[in-house]
Amino acid sequence: MKEEGFFEKVYHIARQIPYGRVTSYGAIAKHLGASGSARMVGWAMNASGGKEDVPAHRVVNRKGLLTGKHHFEGTNLMQQLLESEGISVRGNQIQNFEQLFWDPAKEL
């Protein structure tokens, strides 16, 4: 699988995440048929910096932790973007993660 093609597939899924919802790197990888590639999904999110239409802030780890926050400009930008969508974050952890989780396998 060509890396750029994989990243574009990741971005396509990320663009589908509804406002006020989140998903995980692993859920996107699994939906793409590459369940062991959660880290590559993370690299794609990191590389999406210049793409304003890719809501990378809505992709977190499987436990709801903001593990990608250091790839955003400013110290709390990822958290601020999530909170602006009504998502509560405490200690880098999304509150009510199970209720806010969007599974691309069930939605797409």
Protein backbone atom coordinates (compact mmCIF):
# COMPACT_ATOMS: atom_id res chain seq x y z
CA MET A 1 0.00 0.00 0.00
CA LYS A 2 1.52 3.31 -1.06
CA GLU A 3 2.02 5.57 1.96
CA GLU A 4 0.45 8.65 0.37
CA GLY A 5 -2.56 6.58 -0.65
CA PHE A 6 -2.91 5.29 2.90
CA PHE A 7 -2.73 8.81 4.34
CA GLU A 8 -5.40 10.04 1.91
CA LYS A 9 -7.67 7.13 2.94
CA VAL A 10 -7.11 8.09 6.60
CA TYR A 11 -7.99 11.72 5.82
CA HIS A 12 -11.15 10.63 4.01
CA ILE A 13 -12.33 8.80 7.14
CA ALA A 14 -11.26 11.61 9.48
CA ARG A 15 -13.34 14.07 7.47
CA GLN A 16 -16.41 11.93 8.24
CA ILE A 17 -16.07 12.18 12.03
CA PRO A 18 -19.09 14.18 13.20
CA TYR A 19 -18.71 17.46 15.06
CA GLY A 20 -18.60 16.76 18.81
CA ARG A 21 -17.52 13.13 18.38
CA VAL A 22 -14.13 11.37 18.44
CA THR A 23 -12.58 8.18 17.15
CA SER A 24 -9.29 6.37 17.67
CA TYR A 25 -6.23 5.72 15.55
CA GLY A 26 -6.91 2.00 15.84
CA ALA A 27 -10.56 2.28 14.76
CA ILE A 28 -9.52 4.08 11.58
CA ALA A 29 -6.77 1.52 10.89
CA LYS A 30 -9.16 -1.37 11.48
CA HIS A 31 -11.75 0.17 9.15
CA LEU A 32 -9.08 0.42 6.44
CA GLY A 33 -8.28 -3.29 6.85
CA ALA A 34 -4.92 -2.53 8.44
CA SER A 35 -5.62 -3.24 12.11
CA GLY A 36 -1.95 -3.22 13.08
CA SER A 37 -1.41 0.24 11.61
CA ALA A 38 -2.73 2.56 14.33
CA ARG A 39 0.70 4.19 14.52
CA MET A 40 0.61 4.93 10.78
CA VAL A 41 -2.78 6.58 11.28
CA GLY A 42 -1.10 8.73 13.94
CA TRP A 43 1.63 9.66 11.47
CA ALA A 44 -1.05 10.61 8.96
CA MET A 45 -2.77 12.82 11.54
CA ASN A 46 0.57 14.45 12.35
CA ALA A 47 1.25 15.03 8.64
CA SER A 48 -2.19 16.59 8.14
CA GLY A 49 -1.08 19.87 9.72
CA GLY A 50 -1.61 21.93 6.58
CA LYS A 51 -4.97 20.40 5.72
CA GLU A 52 -7.61 22.49 7.45
CA ASP A 53 -10.38 20.15 6.33
CA VAL A 54 -8.90 17.20 8.29
CA PRO A 55 -10.17 17.33 11.92
CA ALA A 56 -7.11 15.63 13.40
CA HIS A 57 -8.12 16.86 16.88
CA ARG A 58 -11.01 14.34 16.82
CA VAL A 59 -8.63 11.35 16.65
CA VAL A 60 -7.29 10.11 19.99
CA ASN A 61 -5.88 6.91 21.41
CA ARG A 62 -8.02 3.88 22.29
CA LYS A 63 -8.46 5.08 25.86
CA GLY A 64 -9.53 8.60 24.92
CA LEU A 65 -6.20 10.23 25.73
CA LEU A 66 -4.97 13.22 23.72
CA THR A 67 -1.71 11.51 22.78
CA GLY A 68 -1.31 13.60 19.62
CA LYS A 69 -1.60 16.97 21.32
CA HIS A 70 2.10 17.81 21.00
CA HIS A 71 1.67 17.91 17.21
CA PHE A 72 -0.68 20.89 17.45
CA GLU A 73 0.55 24.48 17.64
CA GLY A 74 0.34 25.86 21.14
CA THR A 75 0.22 23.78 24.27
CA ASN A 76 -3.53 23.20 24.53
CA LEU A 77 -4.84 23.67 20.98
CA MET A 78 -6.10 20.09 20.59
CA GLN A 79 -7.99 20.30 23.89
CA GLN A 80 -9.36 23.75 23.03
CA LEU A 81 -10.65 22.52 19.66
CA LEU A 82 -12.39 19.57 21.33
CA GLU A 83 -13.86 21.74 24.07
CA SER A 84 -15.16 24.19 21.46
CA GLU A 85 -17.21 21.24 20.16
CA GLY A 86 -18.63 20.56 23.61
CA ILE A 87 -16.26 17.72 24.50
CA SER A 88 -15.07 17.75 28.10
CA VAL A 89 -11.35 17.02 28.61
CA ARG A 90 -9.70 16.58 32.01
CA GLY A 91 -6.08 15.60 32.49
CA ASN A 92 -5.70 14.99 28.72
CA GLN A 93 -8.55 12.45 28.97
CA ILE A 94 -11.84 12.79 27.11
CA GLN A 95 -14.72 12.50 29.55
CA ASN A 96 -17.59 10.19 28.53
CA PHE A 97 -15.33 8.72 25.84
CA GLU A 98 -17.53 5.67 25.26
CA GLN A 99 -20.58 7.85 24.56
CA LEU A 100 -18.67 10.21 22.25
CA PHE A 101 -16.80 7.47 20.39
CA TRP A 102 -17.57 7.30 16.66
CA ASP A 103 -16.77 3.93 15.07
CA PRO A 104 -16.17 4.21 11.31
CA ALA A 105 -16.87 0.49 10.93
CA LYS A 106 -20.45 1.05 12.12
CA GLU A 107 -21.03 4.49 10.60
CA LEU A 108 -19.50 4.24 7.11
